[in-house]
Amino acid sequence: MKRLPLFPMGGLLAAMAGIVGGCHLDKLLQAPGGGGPSGPHLVFTGQPGDVAAGQPIAPAVRVTVQDSTGQPQSDFTGPVTVGLDANPGRAALSGALQVNAVSGVATFADLSVDKVGRGYTLRATTAGASGATSAPFDITASPPPPQATQLVFTVQPTKTSPGATITPAVEVTAVDDQGRVATSFTGFITVTKGHDASLFGNAVLSGTKSVRAVNGVARFGDLSIDQAGNGYTLQAAASSLRSAESSAFNISVL
């Protein structure tokens, strides 16, 4: 019966050395689940969401400074800066781009992106900590501005004495069917008497009664009625828009 040859000791040691070298000893000595940050780092704890171009990103973007265990560094109060990282629309990022952290958290409340695109990301940086990149978000087209369809009294006429200026100034606003102010409307709005509450129905409305709207609003600062009466109203009209009638008000000796 033949004996099997023994593996030479020198060859065995050489083989073991080769195995250890091939396994990268530094990686073998890492803690289980290694690869985590070894020092302070930034994390987006309030991610940017999809929003229309030029509109503030809401809710506010938040960036937190964390230590190597993932806990917020509550004593950190330094500045954190954000900018566009992925920028598919070649857009500009507006708002306060550098914010001092409070208890380790920097809040960016007024960020906006001016061009439509899919897959934007933000990059956050600060001194002494590794940076962070946000989740992707989209910038969509802005909705069309409200188109004027009707008038409403947004400051109603109030009680005053005969011949005295009605204060505060009466305001009439052009709005769309959902009641949104049509800021693009700049046409003339005219007010006239609605219900005449004077004894003989011949009261005179004086003042500037036709005013061009500014950002959809016409302000009538010098209106007056010459006769006493309870229950007057004003009527507002503008070309192509539905008219409006004010609430009732009194003209009486104060």
C-alpha atoms as a PDB file:
ATOM      1  CA  MET A   1       0.000   0.000   0.000  1.00  0.00           C
ATOM      2  CA  LYS A   2       1.465   3.340  -1.050  1.00  0.00           C
ATOM      3  CA  ARG A   3       1.485   6.380   1.150  1.00  0.00           C
ATOM      4  CA  LEU A   4       0.233   9.653  -0.312  1.00  0.00           C
ATOM      5  CA  PRO A   5       2.953  12.322  -0.438  1.00  0.00           C
ATOM      6  CA  LEU A   6       2.661  15.033   2.156  1.00  0.00           C
ATOM      7  CA  PHE A   7       2.127  18.609   0.893  1.00  0.00           C
ATOM      8  CA  PRO A   8       5.375  20.473   1.532  1.00  0.00           C
ATOM      9  CA  MET A   9       5.060  23.042   4.361  1.00  0.00           C
ATOM     10  CA  GLY A  10       6.596  25.804   2.275  1.00  0.00           C
ATOM     11  CA  GLY A  11       4.076  25.266  -0.500  1.00  0.00           C
ATOM     12  CA  LEU A  12       1.198  25.348   1.973  1.00  0.00           C
ATOM     13  CA  LEU A  13       2.282  28.704   3.414  1.00  0.00           C
ATOM     14  CA  ALA A  14       2.680  30.190  -0.032  1.00  0.00           C
ATOM     15  CA  ALA A  15      -0.820  29.065  -1.039  1.00  0.00           C
ATOM     16  CA  MET A  16      -2.341  30.599   2.088  1.00  0.00           C
ATOM     17  CA  ALA A  17      -0.569  33.881   1.444  1.00  0.00           C
ATOM     18  CA  GLY A  18      -1.966  33.958  -2.067  1.00  0.00           C
ATOM     19  CA  ILE A  19      -5.520  33.380  -0.859  1.00  0.00           C
ATOM     20  CA  VAL A  20      -5.297  36.139   1.742  1.00  0.00           C
ATOM     21  CA  GLY A  21      -3.851  38.580  -0.781  1.00  0.00           C
ATOM     22  CA  GLY A  22      -6.577  37.794  -3.303  1.00  0.00           C
ATOM     23  CA  CYS A  23      -9.330  38.457  -0.768  1.00  0.00           C
ATOM     24  CA  HIS A  24      -8.182  42.044  -0.028  1.00  0.00           C
ATOM     25  CA  LEU A  25      -7.628  41.971   3.675  1.00  0.00           C
ATOM     26  CA  ASP A  26      -8.853  45.544   4.120  1.00  0.00           C
ATOM     27  CA  LYS A  27     -12.317  44.537   2.925  1.00  0.00           C
ATOM     28  CA  LEU A  28     -12.428  41.464   5.120  1.00  0.00           C
ATOM     29  CA  LEU A  29     -11.799  43.626   8.161  1.00  0.00           C
ATOM     30  CA  GLN A  30     -14.665  46.035   7.453  1.00  0.00           C
ATOM     31  CA  ALA A  31     -17.709  45.976   9.719  1.00  0.00           C
ATOM     32  CA  PRO A  32     -20.688  43.892   8.506  1.00  0.00           C
ATOM     33  CA  GLY A  33     -22.795  45.820   5.984  1.00  0.00           C
ATOM     34  CA  GLY A  34     -19.848  48.169   5.403  1.00  0.00           C
ATOM     35  CA  GLY A  35     -19.754  50.942   2.826  1.00  0.00           C
ATOM     36  CA  GLY A  36     -21.671  53.500   4.912  1.00  0.00           C
ATOM     37  CA  PRO A  37     -20.408  57.074   5.372  1.00  0.00           C
ATOM     38  CA  SER A  38     -17.429  57.322   7.689  1.00  0.00           C
ATOM     39  CA  GLY A  39     -18.049  60.925   8.693  1.00  0.00           C
ATOM     40  CA  PRO A  40     -20.558  63.789   8.527  1.00  0.00           C
ATOM     41  CA  HIS A  41     -22.717  63.705   5.412  1.00  0.00           C
ATOM     42  CA  LEU A  42     -25.773  65.422   3.931  1.00  0.00           C
ATOM     43  CA  VAL A  43     -29.121  63.736   3.335  1.00  0.00           C
ATOM     44  CA  PHE A  44     -32.235  65.084   1.592  1.00  0.00           C
ATOM     45  CA  THR A  45     -34.843  64.565   4.315  1.00  0.00           C
ATOM     46  CA  GLY A  46     -37.418  66.627   2.378  1.00  0.00           C
ATOM     47  CA  GLN A  47     -37.188  65.691  -1.297  1.00  0.00           C
ATOM     48  CA  PRO A  48     -38.172  68.100  -4.117  1.00  0.00           C
ATOM     49  CA  GLY A  49     -41.506  67.285  -5.754  1.00  0.00           C
ATOM     50  CA  ASP A  50     -42.933  67.856  -9.222  1.00  0.00           C
ATOM     51  CA  VAL A  51     -44.088  71.424  -9.814  1.00  0.00           C
ATOM     52  CA  ALA A  52     -44.918  73.860 -12.618  1.00  0.00           C
ATOM     53  CA  ALA A  53     -42.136  75.950 -14.123  1.00  0.00           C
ATOM     54  CA  GLY A  54     -41.439  79.089 -12.111  1.00  0.00           C
ATOM     55  CA  GLN A  55     -43.531  77.962  -9.129  1.00  0.00           C
ATOM     56  CA  PRO A  56     -42.008  77.367  -5.656  1.00  0.00           C
ATOM     57  CA  ILE A  57     -41.189  73.731  -4.947  1.00  0.00           C
ATOM     58  CA  ALA A  58     -43.580  72.646  -2.205  1.00  0.00           C
ATOM     59  CA  PRO A  59     -43.368  71.353   0.408  1.00  0.00           C
ATOM     60  CA  ALA A  60     -40.046  72.981   1.180  1.00  0.00           C
ATOM     61  CA  VAL A  61     -36.847  71.073   0.400  1.00  0.00           C
ATOM     62  CA  ARG A  62     -34.960  70.002   3.552  1.00  0.00           C
ATOM     63  CA  VAL A  63     -31.324  68.888   3.857  1.00  0.00           C
ATOM     64  CA  THR A  64     -30.010  67.365   7.092  1.00  0.00           C
ATOM     65  CA  VAL A  65     -26.402  67.007   8.275  1.00  0.00           C
ATOM     66  CA  GLN A  66     -25.987  63.525   9.750  1.00  0.00           C
ATOM     67  CA  ASP A  67     -23.126  61.819  11.549  1.00  0.00           C
ATOM     68  CA  SER A  68     -21.675  58.420  10.587  1.00  0.00           C
ATOM     69  CA  THR A  69     -24.488  56.640  12.473  1.00  0.00           C
ATOM     70  CA  GLY A  70     -27.214  58.469  10.550  1.00  0.00           C
ATOM     71  CA  GLN A  71     -28.209  60.754  13.411  1.00  0.00           C
ATOM     72  CA  PRO A  72     -28.746  64.505  12.818  1.00  0.00           C
ATOM     73  CA  GLN A  73     -25.892  66.703  13.993  1.00  0.00           C
ATOM     74  CA  SER A  74     -28.073  69.000  16.080  1.00  0.00           C
ATOM     75  CA  ASP A  75     -25.169  71.333  16.881  1.00  0.00           C
ATOM     76  CA  PHE A  76     -24.510  72.099  13.194  1.00  0.00           C
ATOM     77  CA  THR A  77     -25.562  75.636  12.204  1.00  0.00           C
ATOM     78  CA  GLY A  78     -23.369  76.273   9.176  1.00  0.00           C
ATOM     79  CA  PRO A  79     -24.491  77.169   5.642  1.00  0.00           C
ATOM     80  CA  VAL A  80     -25.773  74.515   3.247  1.00  0.00           C
ATOM     81  CA  THR A  81     -25.846  75.249  -0.495  1.00  0.00           C
ATOM     82  CA  VAL A  82     -28.037  73.672  -3.179  1.00  0.00           C
ATOM     83  CA  GLY A  83     -27.776  73.804  -6.955  1.00  0.00           C
ATOM     84  CA  LEU A  84     -29.018  71.913  -9.981  1.00  0.00           C
ATOM     85  CA  ASP A  85     -27.203  68.653 -10.647  1.00  0.00           C
ATOM     86  CA  ALA A  86     -29.083  66.874 -13.450  1.00  0.00           C
ATOM     87  CA  ASN A  87     -30.419  69.734 -15.584  1.00  0.00           C
ATOM     88  CA  PRO A  88     -32.288  68.346 -18.621  1.00  0.00           C
ATOM     89  CA  GLY A  89     -33.926  71.669 -19.501  1.00  0.00           C
ATOM     90  CA  ARG A  90     -30.799  73.839 -19.097  1.00  0.00           C
ATOM     91  CA  ALA A  91     -32.814  75.742 -16.520  1.00  0.00           C
ATOM     92  CA  ALA A  92     -31.983  78.215 -13.778  1.00  0.00           C
ATOM     93  CA  LEU A  93     -32.628  77.469 -10.113  1.00  0.00           C
ATOM     94  CA  SER A  94     -33.981  80.488  -8.216  1.00  0.00           C
ATOM     95  CA  GLY A  95     -34.611  81.279  -4.572  1.00  0.00           C
ATOM     96  CA  ALA A  96     -32.391  81.273  -1.490  1.00  0.00           C
ATOM     97  CA  LEU A  97     -29.719  78.774  -2.578  1.00  0.00           C
ATOM     98  CA  GLN A  98     -27.662  78.987   0.631  1.00  0.00           C
ATOM     99  CA  VAL A  99     -29.361  78.560   4.006  1.00  0.00           C
ATOM    100  CA  ASN A 100     -27.946  78.262   7.519  1.00  0.00           C
ATOM    101  CA  ALA A 101     -28.913  75.022   9.208  1.00  0.00           C
ATOM    102  CA  VAL A 102     -31.024  75.023  12.363  1.00  0.00           C
ATOM    103  CA  SER A 103     -30.271  72.057  14.628  1.00  0.00           C
ATOM    104  CA  GLY A 104     -28.596  70.385  11.676  1.00  0.00           C
ATOM    105  CA  VAL A 105     -31.431  70.969   9.192  1.00  0.00           C
ATOM    106  CA  ALA A 106     -31.387  73.487   6.312  1.00  0.00           C
ATOM    107  CA  THR A 107     -34.814  74.350   4.896  1.00  0.00           C
ATOM    108  CA  PHE A 108     -35.149  75.782   1.372  1.00  0.00           C
ATOM    109  CA  ALA A 109     -38.643  77.283   1.192  1.00  0.00           C
ATOM    110  CA  ASP A 110     -38.623  79.227  -2.084  1.00  0.00           C
ATOM    111  CA  LEU A 111     -36.738  77.183  -4.691  1.00  0.00           C
ATOM    112  CA  SER A 112     -38.070  77.233  -8.245  1.00  0.00           C
ATOM    113  CA  VAL A 113     -36.931  76.024 -11.686  1.00  0.00           C
ATOM    114  CA  ASP A 114     -37.788  78.085 -14.747  1.00  0.00           C
ATOM    115  CA  LYS A 115     -37.913  75.508 -17.571  1.00  0.00           C
ATOM    116  CA  VAL A 116     -39.906  72.354 -18.263  1.00  0.00           C
ATOM    117  CA  GLY A 117     -38.018  69.065 -18.035  1.00  0.00           C
ATOM    118  CA  ARG A 118     -38.075  65.527 -16.647  1.00  0.00           C
ATOM    119  CA  GLY A 119     -35.503  64.142 -14.230  1.00  0.00           C
ATOM    120  CA  TYR A 120     -34.039  67.227 -12.579  1.00  0.00           C
ATOM    121  CA  THR A 121     -32.004  66.647  -9.412  1.00  0.00           C
ATOM    122  CA  LEU A 122     -30.534  68.927  -6.760  1.00  0.00           C
ATOM    123  CA  ARG A 123     -27.043  68.715  -5.280  1.00  0.00           C
ATOM    124  CA  ALA A 124     -26.459  69.827  -1.678  1.00  0.00           C
ATOM    125  CA  THR A 125     -23.023  70.706  -0.277  1.00  0.00           C
ATOM    126  CA  THR A 126     -21.479  72.102   2.882  1.00  0.00           C
ATOM    127  CA  ALA A 127     -17.968  72.419   4.314  1.00  0.00           C
ATOM    128  CA  GLY A 128     -16.734  69.431   6.291  1.00  0.00           C
ATOM    129  CA  ALA A 129     -19.351  66.929   5.107  1.00  0.00           C
ATOM    130  CA  SER A 130     -19.918  64.824   2.011  1.00  0.00           C
ATOM    131  CA  GLY A 131     -22.602  66.126  -0.335  1.00  0.00           C
ATOM    132  CA  ALA A 132     -25.907  64.591  -1.400  1.00  0.00           C
ATOM    133  CA  THR A 133     -28.016  64.343  -4.547  1.00  0.00           C
ATOM    134  CA  SER A 134     -31.811  64.493  -4.390  1.00  0.00           C
ATOM    135  CA  ALA A 135     -34.296  62.121  -5.942  1.00  0.00           C
ATOM    136  CA  PRO A 136     -35.329  63.064  -9.510  1.00  0.00           C
ATOM    137  CA  PHE A 137     -38.264  65.423 -10.004  1.00  0.00           C
ATOM    138  CA  ASP A 138     -40.108  66.935 -12.976  1.00  0.00           C
ATOM    139  CA  ILE A 139     -40.899  70.517 -13.932  1.00  0.00           C
ATOM    140  CA  THR A 140     -44.170  70.789 -15.841  1.00  0.00           C
ATOM    141  CA  ALA A 141     -45.708  73.518 -17.996  1.00  0.00           C
ATOM    142  CA  SER A 142     -47.338  76.403 -16.134  1.00  0.00           C
ATOM    143  CA  PRO A 143     -51.141  76.477 -16.331  1.00  0.00           C
ATOM    144  CA  PRO A 144     -52.620  79.188 -18.559  1.00  0.00           C
ATOM    145  CA  PRO A 145     -53.452  82.445 -16.751  1.00  0.00           C
ATOM    146  CA  PRO A 146     -57.087  83.028 -15.732  1.00  0.00           C
ATOM    147  CA  GLN A 147     -59.204  84.584 -18.484  1.00  0.00           C
ATOM    148  CA  ALA A 148     -61.735  87.229 -17.443  1.00  0.00           C
ATOM    149  CA  THR A 149     -65.396  86.250 -17.799  1.00  0.00           C
ATOM    150  CA  GLN A 150     -67.184  88.357 -15.182  1.00  0.00           C
ATOM    151  CA  LEU A 151     -66.924  91.215 -12.702  1.00  0.00           C
ATOM    152  CA  VAL A 152     -67.209  91.148  -8.916  1.00  0.00           C
ATOM    153  CA  PHE A 153     -67.184  93.907  -6.297  1.00  0.00           C
ATOM    154  CA  THR A 154     -64.141  93.157  -4.168  1.00  0.00           C
ATOM    155  CA  VAL A 155     -64.542  96.316  -2.061  1.00  0.00           C
ATOM    156  CA  GLN A 156     -68.216  97.109  -1.534  1.00  0.00           C
ATOM    157  CA  PRO A 157     -69.652 100.656  -1.246  1.00  0.00           C
ATOM    158  CA  THR A 158     -70.392 101.671   2.346  1.00  0.00           C
ATOM    159  CA  LYS A 159     -72.654 104.088   4.184  1.00  0.00           C
ATOM    160  CA  THR A 160     -71.834 107.779   3.872  1.00  0.00           C
ATOM    161  CA  SER A 161     -73.547 111.166   3.819  1.00  0.00           C
ATOM    162  CA  PRO A 162     -75.039 112.918   0.739  1.00  0.00           C
ATOM    163  CA  GLY A 163     -72.304 114.334  -1.501  1.00  0.00           C
ATOM    164  CA  ALA A 164     -69.468 112.777   0.544  1.00  0.00           C
ATOM    165  CA  THR A 165     -66.911 110.444  -1.050  1.00  0.00           C
ATOM    166  CA  ILE A 166     -67.662 106.775  -0.518  1.00  0.00           C
ATOM    167  CA  THR A 167     -64.808 105.327   1.523  1.00  0.00           C
ATOM    168  CA  PRO A 168     -62.963 103.089   1.377  1.00  0.00           C
ATOM    169  CA  ALA A 169     -62.653 103.328  -2.388  1.00  0.00           C
ATOM    170  CA  VAL A 170     -64.924 100.935  -4.277  1.00  0.00           C
ATOM    171  CA  GLU A 171     -63.054  98.181  -6.143  1.00  0.00           C
ATOM    172  CA  VAL A 172     -64.292  95.990  -8.977  1.00  0.00           C
ATOM    173  CA  THR A 173     -62.275  92.979 -10.153  1.00  0.00           C
ATOM    174  CA  ALA A 174     -62.349  90.916 -13.340  1.00  0.00           C
ATOM    175  CA  VAL A 175     -62.321  87.171 -12.563  1.00  0.00           C
ATOM    176  CA  ASP A 176     -62.706  83.868 -14.375  1.00  0.00           C
ATOM    177  CA  ASP A 177     -65.476  81.312 -13.814  1.00  0.00           C
ATOM    178  CA  GLN A 178     -63.606  79.878 -10.808  1.00  0.00           C
ATOM    179  CA  GLY A 179     -63.292  83.305  -9.175  1.00  0.00           C
ATOM    180  CA  ARG A 180     -59.572  83.669  -9.897  1.00  0.00           C
ATOM    181  CA  VAL A 181     -58.363  87.203 -10.575  1.00  0.00           C
ATOM    182  CA  ALA A 182     -57.711  87.737 -14.300  1.00  0.00           C
ATOM    183  CA  THR A 183     -54.535  89.771 -13.897  1.00  0.00           C
ATOM    184  CA  SER A 184     -54.154  90.110 -17.675  1.00  0.00           C
ATOM    185  CA  PHE A 185     -57.402  92.106 -17.973  1.00  0.00           C
ATOM    186  CA  THR A 186     -56.691  95.812 -18.521  1.00  0.00           C
ATOM    187  CA  GLY A 187     -59.953  97.014 -20.070  1.00  0.00           C
ATOM    188  CA  PHE A 188     -62.209  99.789 -18.814  1.00  0.00           C
ATOM    189  CA  ILE A 189     -64.759  99.036 -16.085  1.00  0.00           C
ATOM    190  CA  THR A 190     -67.700 101.399 -15.632  1.00  0.00           C
ATOM    191  CA  VAL A 191     -69.930 101.837 -12.586  1.00  0.00           C
ATOM    192  CA  THR A 192     -73.437 103.304 -12.613  1.00  0.00           C
ATOM    193  CA  LYS A 193     -76.333 103.493 -10.180  1.00  0.00           C
ATOM    194  CA  GLY A 194     -78.096 100.218  -9.694  1.00  0.00           C
ATOM    195  CA  HIS A 195     -81.052 100.650  -7.356  1.00  0.00           C
ATOM    196  CA  ASP A 196     -81.877 104.349  -6.757  1.00  0.00           C
ATOM    197  CA  ALA A 197     -83.078 104.686  -3.171  1.00  0.00           C
ATOM    198  CA  SER A 198     -83.725 108.444  -3.253  1.00  0.00           C
ATOM    199  CA  LEU A 199     -87.209 109.812  -2.596  1.00  0.00           C
ATOM    200  CA  PHE A 200     -87.904 110.704  -6.221  1.00  0.00           C
ATOM    201  CA  GLY A 201     -85.482 108.275  -7.881  1.00  0.00           C
ATOM    202  CA  ASN A 202     -83.329 111.023  -9.347  1.00  0.00           C
ATOM    203  CA  ALA A 203     -80.104 110.784  -7.306  1.00  0.00           C
ATOM    204  CA  VAL A 204     -76.867 111.592  -9.099  1.00  0.00           C
ATOM    205  CA  LEU A 205     -73.745 109.406  -8.906  1.00  0.00           C
ATOM    206  CA  SER A 206     -70.675 111.618  -9.233  1.00  0.00           C
ATOM    207  CA  GLY A 207     -66.954 110.947  -9.579  1.00  0.00           C
ATOM    208  CA  THR A 208     -64.782 109.039 -12.018  1.00  0.00           C
ATOM    209  CA  LYS A 209     -67.115 106.308 -13.165  1.00  0.00           C
ATOM    210  CA  SER A 210     -64.997 104.641 -15.856  1.00  0.00           C
ATOM    211  CA  VAL A 211     -61.557 103.316 -14.824  1.00  0.00           C
ATOM    212  CA  ARG A 212     -59.031 101.135 -16.631  1.00  0.00           C
ATOM    213  CA  ALA A 213     -58.233  97.959 -14.677  1.00  0.00           C
ATOM    214  CA  VAL A 214     -54.687  97.343 -13.448  1.00  0.00           C
ATOM    215  CA  ASN A 215     -53.882  93.639 -13.023  1.00  0.00           C
ATOM    216  CA  GLY A 216     -57.599  92.989 -13.329  1.00  0.00           C
ATOM    217  CA  VAL A 217     -58.682  95.496 -10.653  1.00  0.00           C
ATOM    218  CA  ALA A 218     -60.391  98.894 -11.126  1.00  0.00           C
ATOM    219  CA  ARG A 219     -60.402 101.263  -8.155  1.00  0.00           C
ATOM    220  CA  PHE A 220     -62.993 104.040  -7.884  1.00  0.00           C
ATOM    221  CA  GLY A 221     -61.662 106.538  -5.370  1.00  0.00           C
ATOM    222  CA  ASP A 222     -64.032 109.548  -5.656  1.00  0.00           C
ATOM    223  CA  LEU A 223     -67.604 108.267  -6.000  1.00  0.00           C
ATOM    224  CA  SER A 224     -70.436 110.074  -4.225  1.00  0.00           C
ATOM    225  CA  ILE A 225     -74.273 110.227  -4.290  1.00  0.00           C
ATOM    226  CA  ASP A 226     -76.088 113.499  -3.716  1.00  0.00           C
ATOM    227  CA  GLN A 227     -79.326 112.355  -2.039  1.00  0.00           C
ATOM    228  CA  ALA A 228     -80.189 110.400   1.089  1.00  0.00           C
ATOM    229  CA  GLY A 229     -81.782 106.973   0.829  1.00  0.00           C
ATOM    230  CA  ASN A 230     -81.578 103.427   2.182  1.00  0.00           C
ATOM    231  CA  GLY A 231     -80.661 100.560  -0.135  1.00  0.00           C
ATOM    232  CA  TYR A 232     -78.661 102.072  -2.982  1.00  0.00           C
ATOM    233  CA  THR A 233     -76.634  99.687  -5.163  1.00  0.00           C
ATOM    234  CA  LEU A 234     -73.993 100.174  -7.846  1.00  0.00           C
ATOM    235  CA  GLN A 235     -73.766  98.335 -11.152  1.00  0.00           C
ATOM    236  CA  ALA A 236     -70.391  97.457 -12.762  1.00  0.00           C
ATOM    237  CA  ALA A 237     -69.962  96.631 -16.452  1.00  0.00           C
ATOM    238  CA  ALA A 238     -67.147  95.992 -18.930  1.00  0.00           C
ATOM    239  CA  SER A 239     -67.155  94.993 -22.582  1.00  0.00           C
ATOM    240  CA  SER A 240     -67.697  91.229 -23.087  1.00  0.00           C
ATOM    241  CA  LEU A 241     -67.816  90.460 -19.336  1.00  0.00           C
ATOM    242  CA  ARG A 242     -70.809  89.581 -17.172  1.00  0.00           C
ATOM    243  CA  SER A 243     -71.818  92.581 -15.079  1.00  0.00           C
ATOM    244  CA  ALA A 244     -72.078  92.716 -11.284  1.00  0.00           C
ATOM    245  CA  GLU A 245     -74.226  94.513  -8.726  1.00  0.00           C
ATOM    246  CA  SER A 246     -72.920  95.690  -5.383  1.00  0.00           C
ATOM    247  CA  SER A 247     -74.435  94.983  -2.006  1.00  0.00           C
ATOM    248  CA  ALA A 248     -76.927  97.555  -0.713  1.00  0.00           C
ATOM    249  CA  PHE A 249     -75.710 100.632   1.157  1.00  0.00           C
ATOM    250  CA  ASN A 250     -77.246 103.762   2.656  1.00  0.00           C
ATOM    251  CA  ILE A 251     -76.713 107.474   2.064  1.00  0.00           C
ATOM    252  CA  SER A 252     -77.829 109.391   5.124  1.00  0.00           C
ATOM    253  CA  VAL A 253     -77.008 112.452   7.196  1.00  0.00           C
ATOM    254  CA  LEU A 254     -74.373 111.257   9.651  1.00  0.00           C
END
